[in-house]
Amino acid sequence: MALSSIFTARNGITRVATEFQRFKAEELSKYAQSQWRLLQENGLSERKEFVEISKAAVESFARSMIRSDSELIFAVDRTGALAMTTADITATPEETRLLASLAGRQEEGWRQVRVGGIERVGQAVLVAPFGWYVLVTSTRDSFYRATDQILFQSILILGLFAVLSVILLVLFSGYLTRPLRAVVMAMRGIIASDDLSKRVDLLYRDETGELGHTFNIMTGELQRAYEQIKGFALETAIAKKRELKIRNIFQKFVPNEVIETIFQNPESMLVGDNRILSVLFSDIRGFTAISERMRPEDLVEALNAYFSRMVDVIITRRGIVDKYMGDAIMAFFGAPVKHDDDAYQSVMAGLDMIDALVRFNDEQASKQRAPFRIGIGINYGVVTVGNIGSEKKMDYTVIGDMVNLASRLEGLTKLYHEPMIISEALHRSVEKSMPCRMLDRVAVKGKRQGVRIYCVRRELSPAEEEGWGLHELGLGLYYGREFGKALSCFRQVEQFLPGDTISARFAERCRVHTKNPPGPTWDGVEVITEK
């Protein structure tokens, strides 16, 4: 009876440890499946670099599950080659062949393997999306050490008991069987109730007492391991919920460094914050007319190709695509990760978008389709950035008056015949890095205060340098009310920049103000009534 209980207890203890390993294997498989679903949902499952990132995430998750030096989690492909491991190991050719055989049969469950010259036992699970056969293992010695020790001590004690019982059957039978019955009853109670908190009362300081003491140590360790399992399960559930929330917010068009920053400190991006950053708006000119001349399927194909090019540019420049508004794009630079050159990168993104449009229109022409023309407006200043919306729908976005001005600047590109216009605040941040030209002082719709607006180039030709220099000189004279001298400067601009609409606009204003001088409150601000 006692021997049977010992074996039953041993099997029960082994079952707990086995279930612990099965739990780890299932959690690892679930995590790998979630990584693969994430790749598929974002259309990245065919891109090797993103698949490798997901594999690295699974390996990192596996490492977080390791609790002792005796544990090892590794994966092999169909050839038996190691594809992932939580420790440095090297398999012999014979071991590789055996692993390949196991991977080929794809049999999951309890397995005994030899790898790196060490016998191991553990749970096997197939992670099909990555082509992995994963084993969550412990060394065989460490896995069976506690139960083997109990078995050995129990058999030894029972053997002594049997010998002594023959000699002193009548005299000492009750004395010797009492502590053993206590151990057996405690074991049965644990097996029946799965309550690892139960302990054996130590009645004597002899072998039976040592057995009870060892049993109590073992159950204590198992209880502590069980608590760790529960804690790990809770942490896993919380981490998964946090990861899903963050990925729902940044599931598309987010640079990798942003994702890493968020996972290191996810709570920070869920709180509103006032921050200085750049906001970019772009819009396709005359899109309604273009769409009326194209078949729906051609229009969708063209728009997808256009957005793909523009978004790639924005992401390359560390920007975040906030939203699409029909044929328009809104993006921002400087959140959630801030860089010292966010203003510069936003302007370069606008210039890159203009260059990308040229290549896009070449493709359009090859398909006998109308070219696209775009306008880009960029502003720089303080906005409120954070997770905004309701419990059912939230977006990580930016709001504020500075955002509205960026949208108005995009609209002004039509009036001033410029592909991109930036604000005065942004000009102050980039004027030392690239040539800028002041276009006007304007009060956009809904505003009374005027702001300077500028266009930007990567570099200027000699003719443009001369023309822009005369234009700047003319602006100083114009705002100083010397309209005759200013008119002469603007006329000279035409010699270097034939067909320049900006200098022609100011030349016409000079003629009007020369005939009808403005009043003393005139500040040169043009009030724009259109969006």
Protein backbone atom coordinates (compact mmCIF):
# COMPACT_ATOMS: atom_id res chain seq x y z
CA MET A 1 0.00 0.00 0.00
CA ALA A 2 2.74 2.45 0.98
CA LEU A 3 4.82 1.59 -2.07
CA SER A 4 1.79 2.10 -4.28
CA SER A 5 1.17 5.51 -2.71
CA ILE A 6 4.79 6.49 -3.24
CA PHE A 7 4.57 5.64 -6.93
CA THR A 8 1.23 7.40 -7.15
CA ALA A 9 2.73 10.48 -5.52
CA ARG A 10 5.73 10.30 -7.82
CA ASN A 11 3.43 10.14 -10.84
CA GLY A 12 1.35 13.02 -9.48
CA ILE A 13 4.42 15.17 -8.92
CA THR A 14 5.75 14.28 -12.35
CA ARG A 15 2.35 15.14 -13.84
CA VAL A 16 2.47 18.61 -12.28
CA ALA A 17 5.94 19.22 -13.71
CA THR A 18 4.87 17.80 -17.07
CA GLU A 19 1.78 20.03 -17.12
CA PHE A 20 4.03 22.99 -16.34
CA GLN A 21 6.13 22.23 -19.41
CA ARG A 22 3.01 21.66 -21.53
CA PHE A 23 1.69 25.06 -20.38
CA LYS A 24 4.93 26.71 -21.48
CA ALA A 25 4.85 24.97 -24.86
CA GLU A 26 1.23 25.99 -25.48
CA GLU A 27 1.91 29.61 -24.48
CA LEU A 28 4.93 29.73 -26.77
CA SER A 29 2.88 28.27 -29.64
CA LYS A 30 0.07 30.78 -29.04
CA TYR A 31 2.53 33.64 -29.00
CA ALA A 32 4.16 32.46 -32.24
CA GLN A 33 0.70 32.12 -33.86
CA SER A 34 -0.19 35.66 -32.73
CA GLN A 35 3.04 36.97 -34.27
CA TRP A 36 2.23 35.23 -37.55
CA ARG A 37 -1.36 36.55 -37.57
CA LEU A 38 0.01 40.03 -36.99
CA LEU A 39 2.28 39.63 -40.04
CA GLN A 40 -0.63 38.39 -42.17
CA GLU A 41 -3.00 41.14 -41.02
CA ASN A 42 -0.44 43.75 -42.03
CA GLY A 43 0.49 42.01 -45.30
CA LEU A 44 4.06 41.38 -44.12
CA SER A 45 4.14 37.58 -44.07
CA GLU A 46 6.02 37.45 -47.38
CA ARG A 47 8.65 39.97 -46.31
CA LYS A 48 11.66 38.17 -44.94
CA GLU A 49 12.89 41.02 -42.72
CA PHE A 50 9.58 41.24 -40.87
CA VAL A 51 9.35 37.44 -40.55
CA GLU A 52 12.85 37.44 -39.01
CA ILE A 53 11.75 40.18 -36.56
CA SER A 54 8.77 38.04 -35.55
CA LYS A 55 11.04 34.98 -35.10
CA ALA A 56 13.32 37.09 -32.90
CA ALA A 57 10.29 38.17 -30.85
CA VAL A 58 9.31 34.51 -30.36
CA GLU A 59 12.87 33.67 -29.30
CA SER A 60 12.83 36.59 -26.83
CA PHE A 61 9.51 35.37 -25.46
CA ALA A 62 10.96 31.87 -25.09
CA ARG A 63 13.96 33.23 -23.16
CA SER A 64 11.58 35.03 -20.77
CA MET A 65 10.04 31.64 -19.90
CA ILE A 66 13.34 30.12 -18.72
CA ARG A 67 13.44 29.77 -14.93
CA SER A 68 16.58 27.67 -14.33
CA ASP A 69 19.86 26.68 -15.98
CA SER A 70 18.54 23.17 -16.53
CA GLU A 71 15.75 24.40 -18.83
CA LEU A 72 16.21 24.78 -22.59
CA ILE A 73 13.77 25.78 -25.30
CA PHE A 74 14.83 25.20 -28.89
CA ALA A 75 13.32 24.78 -32.35
CA VAL A 76 14.50 22.77 -35.35
CA ASP A 77 13.49 22.82 -38.99
CA ARG A 78 12.66 19.75 -41.09
CA THR A 79 16.38 19.04 -41.60
CA GLY A 80 16.95 18.90 -37.85
CA ALA A 81 19.02 22.09 -37.87
CA LEU A 82 18.62 24.39 -34.88
CA ALA A 83 16.41 27.38 -35.88
CA MET A 84 15.98 28.95 -32.46
CA THR A 85 17.46 28.29 -29.02
CA THR A 86 17.52 29.96 -25.63
CA ALA A 87 21.11 28.88 -24.93
CA ASP A 88 24.25 28.14 -26.88
CA ILE A 89 24.12 24.44 -27.88
CA THR A 90 25.58 22.37 -30.69
CA ALA A 91 23.97 19.17 -31.91
CA THR A 92 26.07 16.28 -33.18
CA PRO A 93 25.31 14.84 -36.65
CA GLU A 94 23.60 11.82 -35.05
CA GLU A 95 21.51 14.10 -32.81
CA THR A 96 20.61 16.23 -35.84
CA ARG A 97 19.38 13.14 -37.71
CA LEU A 98 17.20 12.11 -34.77
CA LEU A 99 15.81 15.65 -34.45
CA ALA A 100 15.08 15.70 -38.18
CA SER A 101 13.18 12.42 -37.80
CA LEU A 102 11.07 13.88 -34.98
CA ALA A 103 10.43 17.08 -36.97
CA GLY A 104 9.46 15.06 -40.03
CA ARG A 105 6.87 13.04 -38.10
CA GLN A 106 5.55 16.26 -36.51
CA GLU A 107 4.42 14.38 -33.42
CA GLU A 108 3.57 16.66 -30.52
CA GLY A 109 3.53 15.82 -26.82
CA TRP A 110 6.04 14.31 -24.37
CA ARG A 111 9.45 13.52 -25.86
CA GLN A 112 12.87 12.35 -24.73
CA VAL A 113 15.74 13.70 -26.81
CA ARG A 114 19.49 14.02 -26.65
CA VAL A 115 21.04 17.31 -27.71
CA GLY A 116 24.48 18.67 -27.02
CA GLY A 117 25.34 15.34 -25.38
CA ILE A 118 22.70 15.81 -22.64
CA GLU A 119 19.58 13.71 -22.16
CA ARG A 120 16.50 15.94 -22.02
CA VAL A 121 12.76 15.47 -21.52
CA GLY A 122 9.96 17.84 -22.34
CA GLN A 123 7.00 18.82 -24.46
CA ALA A 124 7.11 19.12 -28.26
CA VAL A 125 4.85 21.45 -30.24
CA LEU A 126 4.66 22.29 -33.94
CA VAL A 127 4.81 25.97 -34.96
CA ALA A 128 3.72 25.54 -38.58
CA PRO A 129 3.85 29.18 -39.81
CA PHE A 130 7.58 29.37 -39.16
CA GLY A 131 8.26 25.71 -40.04
CA TRP A 132 9.50 25.02 -36.50
CA TYR A 133 9.35 21.91 -34.37
CA VAL A 134 9.73 23.40 -30.85
CA LEU A 135 10.77 21.47 -27.73
CA VAL A 136 10.41 22.90 -24.20
CA THR A 137 12.80 20.73 -22.17
CA SER A 138 14.66 20.19 -18.91
CA THR A 139 17.62 17.95 -18.31
CA ARG A 140 16.43 14.46 -17.45
CA ASP A 141 18.42 14.40 -14.22
CA SER A 142 16.96 17.68 -12.93
CA PHE A 143 13.42 16.74 -14.00
CA TYR A 144 13.38 13.42 -12.09
CA ARG A 145 15.82 14.33 -9.30
CA ALA A 146 13.26 15.12 -6.58
CA THR A 147 10.97 12.17 -7.39
CA ASP A 148 13.87 9.73 -7.76
CA GLN A 149 15.23 10.84 -4.42
CA ILE A 150 11.88 10.34 -2.75
CA LEU A 151 11.48 6.97 -4.42
CA PHE A 152 14.94 5.86 -3.37
CA GLN A 153 14.46 6.99 0.23
CA SER A 154 10.99 5.50 0.35
CA ILE A 155 12.15 2.12 -0.94
CA LEU A 156 15.07 2.16 1.48
CA ILE A 157 12.84 2.95 4.43
CA LEU A 158 10.28 0.39 3.37
CA GLY A 159 13.01 -2.23 3.02
CA LEU A 160 14.29 -1.53 6.51
CA PHE A 161 10.79 -1.55 7.77
CA ALA A 162 10.16 -4.96 6.21
CA VAL A 163 13.28 -6.44 7.82
CA LEU A 164 12.51 -4.96 11.22
CA SER A 165 8.87 -5.95 11.02
CA VAL A 166 9.87 -9.63 10.72
CA ILE A 167 12.00 -9.40 13.84
CA LEU A 168 9.78 -7.16 15.90
CA LEU A 169 6.45 -7.79 14.20
CA VAL A 170 4.36 -7.69 17.31
CA LEU A 171 6.34 -5.33 19.50
CA PHE A 172 7.11 -2.49 17.10
CA SER A 173 4.60 -2.81 14.25
CA GLY A 174 2.35 -0.04 15.49
CA TYR A 175 5.31 2.21 16.31
CA LEU A 176 6.87 1.83 12.86
CA THR A 177 3.75 2.02 10.73
CA ARG A 178 2.31 5.17 12.32
CA PRO A 179 4.61 7.75 10.63
CA LEU A 180 4.43 5.88 7.34
CA ARG A 181 0.67 5.97 7.46
CA ALA A 182 0.89 9.71 8.07
CA VAL A 183 3.10 10.16 4.98
CA VAL A 184 0.80 7.97 2.90
CA MET A 185 -2.30 9.82 4.06
CA ALA A 186 -0.68 13.16 3.33
CA MET A 187 0.28 11.98 -0.13
CA ARG A 188 -3.22 10.72 -0.77
CA GLY A 189 -4.69 13.97 0.44
CA ILE A 190 -2.49 15.96 -1.90
CA ILE A 191 -3.30 13.70 -4.84
CA ALA A 192 -7.03 13.80 -4.13
CA SER A 193 -7.30 17.57 -3.52
CA ASP A 194 -4.37 18.89 -5.58
CA ASP A 195 -3.60 21.02 -2.52
CA LEU A 196 0.17 21.41 -2.37
CA SER A 197 -0.01 23.41 0.85
CA LYS A 198 -0.54 20.25 2.92
CA ARG A 199 2.41 19.05 4.98
CA VAL A 200 3.37 15.87 6.84
CA ASP A 201 3.55 16.12 10.66
CA LEU A 202 7.03 15.08 11.77
CA LEU A 203 6.47 12.66 14.65
CA TYR A 204 9.97 11.20 15.03
CA ARG A 205 13.54 12.17 14.29
CA ASP A 206 14.35 9.04 12.29
CA GLU A 207 14.25 7.90 8.67
CA THR A 208 10.47 8.29 8.51
CA GLY A 209 10.81 11.82 9.83
CA GLU A 210 13.49 12.54 7.19
CA LEU A 211 11.11 11.16 4.60
CA GLY A 212 8.36 13.49 5.78
CA HIS A 213 10.78 16.40 5.91
CA THR A 214 11.94 15.69 2.35
CA PHE A 215 8.34 15.35 1.26
CA ASN A 216 7.49 18.69 2.86
CA ILE A 217 10.44 20.35 1.08
CA MET A 218 9.35 18.85 -2.22
CA THR A 219 5.72 19.97 -1.87
CA GLY A 220 6.91 23.42 -0.82
CA GLU A 221 9.03 23.73 -3.95
CA LEU A 222 6.17 22.48 -6.10
CA GLN A 223 3.78 24.96 -4.49
CA ARG A 224 6.24 27.79 -5.14
CA ALA A 225 6.60 26.63 -8.77
CA TYR A 226 2.82 26.52 -9.11
CA GLU A 227 2.54 30.09 -7.79
CA GLN A 228 5.18 31.15 -10.29
CA ILE A 229 3.18 29.49 -13.06
CA LYS A 230 0.05 31.41 -12.04
CA GLY A 231 2.01 34.65 -11.84
CA PHE A 232 3.57 34.00 -15.22
CA ALA A 233 0.15 33.27 -16.73
CA LEU A 234 -1.21 36.53 -15.32
CA GLU A 235 1.77 38.50 -16.62
CA THR A 236 1.39 36.86 -20.03
CA ALA A 237 -2.29 37.78 -20.21
CA ILE A 238 -1.61 41.38 -19.19
CA ALA A 239 1.30 41.67 -21.63
CA LYS A 240 -0.80 40.25 -24.47
CA LYS A 241 -3.64 42.68 -23.75
CA ARG A 242 -1.21 45.60 -23.64
CA GLU A 243 0.45 44.47 -26.86
CA LEU A 244 -2.89 44.16 -28.67
CA LYS A 245 -3.93 47.64 -27.54
CA ILE A 246 -0.70 49.21 -28.75
CA ARG A 247 -0.66 47.33 -32.04
CA ASN A 248 -4.28 48.34 -32.72
CA ILE A 249 -3.16 51.95 -32.41
CA PHE A 250 0.04 51.63 -34.45
CA GLN A 251 -0.80 48.65 -36.65
CA LYS A 252 -0.04 50.49 -39.88
CA PHE A 253 2.59 52.93 -41.11
CA VAL A 254 4.70 53.06 -37.95
CA PRO A 255 8.54 52.95 -38.03
CA ASN A 256 10.16 50.10 -36.14
CA GLU A 257 11.85 52.38 -33.60
CA VAL A 258 8.43 53.77 -32.67
CA ILE A 259 7.09 50.26 -31.99
CA GLU A 260 10.13 49.45 -29.82
CA THR A 261 9.77 52.71 -27.85
CA ILE A 262 6.09 52.06 -27.21
CA PHE A 263 6.69 48.51 -25.97
CA GLN A 264 9.33 49.80 -23.56
CA ASN A 265 6.92 52.41 -22.14
CA PRO A 266 3.39 51.79 -23.51
CA GLU A 267 1.58 53.95 -20.93
CA SER A 268 3.25 57.15 -22.14
CA MET A 269 1.52 57.17 -25.54
CA LEU A 270 -1.95 56.79 -24.04
CA VAL A 271 -1.74 60.16 -22.25
CA GLY A 272 -2.33 63.51 -23.95
CA ASP A 273 0.73 65.73 -24.21
CA ASN A 274 1.56 69.18 -25.57
CA ARG A 275 4.52 68.85 -27.90
CA ILE A 276 6.35 70.79 -30.60
CA LEU A 277 6.30 68.92 -33.89
CA SER A 278 5.71 69.26 -37.64
CA VAL A 279 2.37 68.57 -39.29
CA LEU A 280 2.17 67.84 -43.03
CA PHE A 281 -0.90 67.91 -45.27
CA SER A 282 -0.85 66.85 -48.92
CA ASP A 283 -3.66 66.78 -51.46
CA ILE A 284 -4.10 65.77 -55.09
CA ARG A 285 -5.06 68.75 -57.27
CA GLY A 286 -8.19 68.33 -59.39
CA PHE A 287 -8.77 64.81 -58.16
CA THR A 288 -12.50 64.91 -58.86
CA ALA A 289 -11.89 65.67 -62.51
CA ILE A 290 -9.23 62.94 -62.72
CA SER A 291 -11.51 60.36 -61.12
CA GLU A 292 -14.33 61.12 -63.55
CA ARG A 293 -12.05 60.22 -66.49
CA MET A 294 -10.83 56.91 -65.04
CA ARG A 295 -12.43 53.52 -64.58
CA PRO A 296 -13.02 52.65 -60.91
CA GLU A 297 -10.54 49.77 -60.93
CA ASP A 298 -7.87 51.95 -62.59
CA LEU A 299 -8.56 54.74 -60.11
CA VAL A 300 -8.14 52.41 -57.12
CA GLU A 301 -4.93 50.97 -58.58
CA ALA A 302 -3.51 54.44 -59.22
CA LEU A 303 -4.44 55.70 -55.75
CA ASN A 304 -2.91 52.67 -54.05
CA ALA A 305 0.32 53.12 -56.01
CA TYR A 306 0.35 56.84 -55.19
CA PHE A 307 -0.30 56.34 -51.47
CA SER A 308 2.32 53.58 -51.33
CA ARG A 309 5.01 55.89 -52.68
CA MET A 310 4.02 58.84 -50.49
CA VAL A 311 3.75 56.78 -47.30
CA ASP A 312 7.13 55.12 -47.93
CA VAL A 313 8.69 58.58 -48.15
CA ILE A 314 7.04 59.74 -44.92
CA ILE A 315 8.08 56.63 -42.98
CA THR A 316 11.64 56.85 -44.32
CA ARG A 317 11.82 60.37 -42.88
CA ARG A 318 10.56 59.06 -39.49
CA GLY A 319 7.08 60.47 -39.96
CA ILE A 320 3.76 59.02 -38.78
CA VAL A 321 0.83 58.79 -41.20
CA ASP A 322 -2.06 60.10 -39.12
CA LYS A 323 -4.94 59.52 -41.52
CA TYR A 324 -6.20 59.55 -45.10
CA MET A 325 -8.91 62.07 -45.98
CA GLY A 326 -10.14 61.00 -49.40
CA ASP A 327 -7.16 61.72 -51.64
CA ALA A 328 -5.38 63.74 -48.92
CA ILE A 329 -2.73 62.60 -46.45
CA MET A 330 -2.08 63.97 -42.95
CA ALA A 331 1.21 63.11 -41.25
CA PHE A 332 3.28 64.39 -38.35
CA PHE A 333 6.93 64.31 -37.31
CA GLY A 334 8.12 64.32 -33.68
CA ALA A 335 5.72 61.97 -31.86
CA PRO A 336 5.64 59.61 -30.16
CA VAL A 337 9.43 59.61 -30.60
CA LYS A 338 11.07 63.04 -30.71
CA HIS A 339 14.25 63.81 -32.67
CA ASP A 340 16.29 66.99 -32.88
CA ASP A 341 15.83 67.22 -36.66
CA ASP A 342 12.07 66.57 -36.90
CA ALA A 343 11.48 69.95 -38.59
CA TYR A 344 14.19 69.30 -41.18
CA GLN A 345 12.96 65.75 -41.83
CA SER A 346 9.39 67.00 -42.41
CA VAL A 347 10.57 69.45 -45.10
CA MET A 348 12.77 66.80 -46.71
CA ALA A 349 9.78 64.44 -46.70
CA GLY A 350 7.79 67.06 -48.64
CA LEU A 351 10.57 67.45 -51.19
CA ASP A 352 10.94 63.68 -51.48
CA MET A 353 7.19 63.37 -52.07
CA ILE A 354 7.45 65.85 -54.94
CA ASP A 355 10.31 63.82 -56.45
CA ALA A 356 8.40 60.57 -55.93
CA LEU A 357 5.42 62.10 -57.73
CA VAL A 358 7.58 62.61 -60.83
CA ARG A 359 8.42 58.90 -60.94
CA PHE A 360 4.77 58.03 -60.26
CA ASN A 361 3.61 60.22 -63.15
CA ASP A 362 6.10 58.51 -65.45
CA GLU A 363 4.33 55.24 -64.67
CA GLN A 364 0.96 56.93 -65.20
CA ALA A 365 2.08 58.13 -68.62
CA SER A 366 3.20 54.62 -69.59
CA LYS A 367 -0.36 53.46 -68.85
CA GLN A 368 -1.94 56.38 -70.78
CA ARG A 369 -3.33 57.85 -67.57
CA ALA A 370 -3.55 61.48 -66.48
CA PRO A 371 -0.71 62.71 -64.23
CA PHE A 372 -1.32 63.72 -60.61
CA ARG A 373 -0.43 67.15 -59.22
CA ILE A 374 -0.16 67.65 -55.48
CA GLY A 375 0.04 70.48 -52.96
CA ILE A 376 1.86 70.14 -49.65
CA GLY A 377 1.56 72.37 -46.59
CA ILE A 378 3.77 71.98 -43.50
CA ASN A 379 3.60 73.83 -40.18
CA TYR A 380 5.73 73.57 -37.05
CA GLY A 381 4.61 74.34 -33.51
CA VAL A 382 2.83 73.21 -30.37
CA VAL A 383 0.01 70.68 -30.70
CA THR A 384 -1.81 68.30 -28.39
CA VAL A 385 -0.88 64.72 -29.22
CA GLY A 386 -2.38 61.59 -27.73
CA ASN A 387 -4.95 58.82 -27.95
CA ILE A 388 -8.19 60.60 -28.82
CA GLY A 389 -11.65 59.13 -29.34
CA SER A 390 -14.05 56.84 -27.49
CA GLU A 391 -13.74 53.44 -25.86
CA LYS A 392 -14.94 51.79 -29.07
CA LYS A 393 -12.73 53.76 -31.46
CA MET A 394 -9.54 55.64 -30.59
CA ASP A 395 -6.81 57.14 -32.76
CA TYR A 396 -3.35 58.37 -31.92
CA THR A 397 -3.48 61.82 -33.49
CA VAL A 398 -2.65 65.52 -33.10
CA ILE A 399 -5.04 68.44 -32.66
CA GLY A 400 -4.70 72.19 -32.27
CA ASP A 401 -4.65 75.50 -34.11
CA MET A 402 -1.23 74.66 -35.57
CA VAL A 403 -2.78 71.67 -37.36
CA ASN A 404 -5.45 73.88 -38.92
CA LEU A 405 -2.80 76.30 -40.23
CA ALA A 406 -0.91 73.40 -41.86
CA SER A 407 -4.11 72.47 -43.70
CA ARG A 408 -4.59 76.09 -44.83
CA LEU A 409 -0.99 76.20 -46.12
CA GLU A 410 -1.70 73.17 -48.27
CA GLY A 411 -4.68 75.02 -49.76
CA LEU A 412 -2.52 78.08 -50.52
CA THR A 413 -0.33 76.04 -52.88
CA LYS A 414 -3.07 76.40 -55.51
CA LEU A 415 -3.17 80.20 -55.15
CA TYR A 416 0.62 80.66 -55.24
CA HIS A 417 1.34 77.95 -57.84
CA GLU A 418 3.87 76.24 -55.58
CA PRO A 419 3.97 72.48 -54.92
CA MET A 420 4.90 73.02 -51.24
CA ILE A 421 4.49 75.90 -48.77
CA ILE A 422 5.90 75.99 -45.24
CA SER A 423 5.12 78.26 -42.30
CA GLU A 424 7.22 81.00 -40.76
CA ALA A 425 7.88 78.86 -37.65
CA LEU A 426 9.17 76.00 -39.78
CA HIS A 427 11.24 78.40 -41.88
CA ARG A 428 13.10 79.56 -38.77
CA SER A 429 14.07 75.94 -38.04
CA VAL A 430 15.35 75.03 -41.52
CA GLU A 431 16.51 78.29 -43.12
CA LYS A 432 20.16 77.49 -42.37
CA SER A 433 19.89 74.04 -43.91
CA MET A 434 18.17 74.78 -47.24
CA PRO A 435 17.27 77.78 -49.45
CA CYS A 436 13.87 79.33 -48.68
CA ARG A 437 11.90 82.09 -50.41
CA MET A 438 9.29 84.23 -48.71
CA LEU A 439 6.07 84.13 -50.74
CA ASP A 440 3.83 86.53 -48.84
CA ARG A 441 2.31 87.67 -45.58
CA VAL A 442 -1.16 86.20 -45.32
CA ALA A 443 -4.04 85.90 -42.89
CA VAL A 444 -5.63 82.55 -43.70
CA LYS A 445 -9.37 82.04 -43.51
CA GLY A 446 -10.60 82.26 -39.93
CA LYS A 447 -7.52 84.23 -38.74
CA ARG A 448 -6.84 87.95 -38.33
CA GLN A 449 -3.13 87.81 -37.61
CA GLY A 450 -0.86 87.52 -40.63
CA VAL A 451 1.97 85.00 -41.01
CA ARG A 452 4.84 84.73 -43.45
CA ILE A 453 4.77 81.78 -45.84
CA TYR A 454 7.72 80.30 -47.72
CA CYS A 455 8.65 77.88 -50.47
CA VAL A 456 11.75 75.63 -50.28
CA ARG A 457 14.24 74.07 -52.68
CA ARG A 458 16.98 71.50 -52.20
CA GLU A 459 19.41 73.80 -54.03
CA LEU A 460 19.29 76.80 -56.38
CA SER A 461 20.62 77.35 -59.85
CA PRO A 462 22.67 80.52 -60.48
CA ALA A 463 19.61 82.14 -62.11
CA GLU A 464 17.42 81.25 -59.13
CA GLU A 465 19.98 82.66 -56.71
CA GLU A 466 19.91 85.99 -58.56
CA GLY A 467 16.14 86.00 -58.90
CA TRP A 468 15.50 85.08 -55.26
CA GLY A 469 17.97 87.71 -54.09
CA LEU A 470 16.18 90.44 -56.10
CA HIS A 471 12.84 89.17 -54.82
CA GLU A 472 14.01 89.45 -51.20
CA LEU A 473 15.30 92.98 -51.83
CA GLY A 474 11.99 93.90 -53.42
CA LEU A 475 10.04 92.56 -50.43
CA GLY A 476 12.01 94.81 -48.07
CA LEU A 477 11.18 97.84 -50.20
CA TYR A 478 7.55 96.77 -50.61
CA TYR A 479 6.86 96.39 -46.90
CA GLY A 480 8.76 99.67 -46.37
CA ARG A 481 6.16 101.39 -48.65
CA GLU A 482 8.76 102.16 -51.36
CA PHE A 483 6.52 100.74 -54.06
CA GLY A 484 8.31 102.32 -57.04
CA LYS A 485 11.71 100.87 -56.12
CA ALA A 486 10.11 97.56 -55.20
CA LEU A 487 8.40 97.41 -58.62
CA SER A 488 11.79 97.81 -60.32
CA CYS A 489 13.20 94.86 -58.32
CA PHE A 490 10.26 92.61 -59.10
CA ARG A 491 10.53 93.42 -62.81
CA GLN A 492 14.20 92.41 -62.75
CA VAL A 493 13.25 89.06 -61.24
CA GLU A 494 11.48 88.28 -64.54
CA GLN A 495 14.84 88.48 -66.33
CA PHE A 496 16.24 85.60 -64.23
CA LEU A 497 13.02 83.69 -63.60
CA PRO A 498 10.79 84.02 -66.69
CA GLY A 499 7.13 83.44 -65.89
CA ASP A 500 7.65 83.79 -62.12
CA THR A 501 4.14 84.29 -60.71
CA ILE A 502 5.24 85.43 -57.25
CA SER A 503 7.24 88.46 -58.44
CA ALA A 504 4.48 89.23 -60.96
CA ARG A 505 1.94 89.22 -58.12
CA PHE A 506 3.98 91.70 -56.08
CA ALA A 507 4.65 93.84 -59.15
CA GLU A 508 0.90 94.20 -59.69
CA ARG A 509 0.41 95.14 -56.04
CA CYS A 510 3.12 97.81 -56.38
CA ARG A 511 1.29 99.36 -59.33
CA VAL A 512 -1.97 99.43 -57.39
CA HIS A 513 -0.41 100.93 -54.25
CA THR A 514 1.50 103.52 -56.28
CA LYS A 515 -1.79 104.85 -57.70
CA ASN A 516 -3.74 104.39 -54.46
CA PRO A 517 -1.34 104.45 -51.50
CA PRO A 518 -2.56 102.33 -48.55
CA GLY A 519 -3.57 103.88 -45.25
CA PRO A 520 -1.33 104.26 -42.18
CA THR A 521 -2.58 100.96 -40.71
CA TRP A 522 -1.48 98.96 -43.76
CA ASP A 523 0.88 96.13 -42.78
CA GLY A 524 1.11 94.30 -46.11
CA VAL A 525 -0.94 91.29 -44.93
CA GLU A 526 -3.13 89.68 -47.60
CA VAL A 527 -6.40 88.33 -46.23
CA ILE A 528 -7.26 84.94 -47.75
CA THR A 529 -10.99 84.20 -47.85
CA GLU A 530 -10.70 80.74 -49.40
CA LYS A 531 -9.55 77.52 -47.74
